[in-house]
């Protein structure tokens, strides 16, 4: 009698008996494992940036759910210890008075920063290595959408403590929303629940922050992962020498990549707890409850670039068009970020190496190999960096003219310098980031065309069989025809046409010599007949 072996099958990863076999018999888990569990991940530290963003989001959901048991999304006044404050403000005070809850609030705060930083670094890694090109343009667009959603989630989270800082920062956002030409009033009331602040504002923003944005981010991340599964990962340059064509060099999802990801998740959770214990965000008492006076506030680093450009917009920079007013709030707070995100989104189509690309880009391209892309990326990062200076230009004694000169000139100089450095150090040998072509093998019994021609010359009695061998060989060579479309540049195509013309000429000359030799031998009485032309 056969006794089932409970050990795991190396092919399916499922147990052959017990609970694993019972589940596999009903859910066909072995097929799921073979389809997704064996998905290969490249072993390279830069690929963990995307997973860091995902794990940060998971930590945000867990800690946010915990805080939701205590937080009250209401700006109605309540009296606590003889002080009348908004109920949301009082609930945050209660959270800060509970050590564990306060620690979770701090972890939630720093996890938001880590998620935004991870998404930014992930996009930068993709951009500077040219991984946004064919066939990954769709995932690049998804990445820019995810960046915008994370920034929006961070902004909406400002309002929840409902202290003086939160009300001031959210009020700036409300003013920007109202400045949208033609539809500003509708958008601001829809997003903020009326004229901010009103009794319905905080409940509306809480719903957006806790339910709508996490649901949308989850859907976007899901689509992002599905596209990765469909297209496979890009690979580091060193993998090109070892990977098989069409295959990814790395480790499978189960169990190796899952173990690495689990270790990274626990490490991130631990580091965030240590950071939250040592560096805490400002308590609500630092600014106090909302008041008539407007405190001087500046946003966190991930929104400082918008604030900086908004601050240096001249007060008179406005105009009217079709009955609508384009105010400085709209130009600096919405139009400028929209232009930045628009350029990011269109990067795959602005890259000239991707416009007429036929083959797929499957490997990371060295940064110094594309001076134009490197210079453009450094110029954009420098422009964003100058916005941090612009946010403090009046406090460090700069005039509006000086800061505008810095904003315009410094990114151009930085981009040119970075492009020149990349051009200088890119070297003579260029790395090809395209996919590897499948290896083409020929029948081992088929000799080369030159060998067959020599055989025909030395054995005219076997002219017809040898000619058939030549035809068969040329037919096999013809299988390379589909790869002609992979040629890059006019020079390679011209070289191929010249080679074909030379081959046609050589074969024609050889055919003429063979025919003359056969006619000569026939005239000498050898009894040989000229074979029919193939």
Foldseek 3Di string as FASTA:
>chain_A
DDDADQDADPQQRFGCDDPRVVCCVPPVNSVVCNQAQQAFDAPDPLVCLVLLLVLLLVLLLVLVVVLVVQADLWQDWDADPNDTGGRRLVSLVVLCVDVVSQLSVQLNVVSLVSNLVSLVSNLVQCLLQVVCFPPNLVLLLLSLVLNVLSVVLVLLVLQRNQALQSLLSVLLVLVLQLQPWPCSQVRSCQQQVHPPPDRCRRVSSCCCNNPVSSVVSVVSVVVSVVVCSVVPAFYALVCQVPDAFPDHDGGGVPPVVVVVSVVVSVVSVVVSSVCCVVDPPDRSVVRGHHDPDRDDDADDLVCLLLLLQLLLQDQPPWDDDPRTINGSSNVRNPVVVVVVSVCSSCVNVVDPCRPPADFGQRYGFDSLQQLQSQLVVQLSVQLSVLSNCSNCVVVVPHDSVVSVCCNPPVSNVSSVVSSVVSPVPVDDDGRDRGTDDHDQDDDPVQDDLVVLLVVCVVCVLCNVVSVVSNVVVVVSVCVCVVCVVNDDDPVVVVVVVVVVVVVVVVVVVSVVVSVVVQVVCVVVPPPDDDDDDD
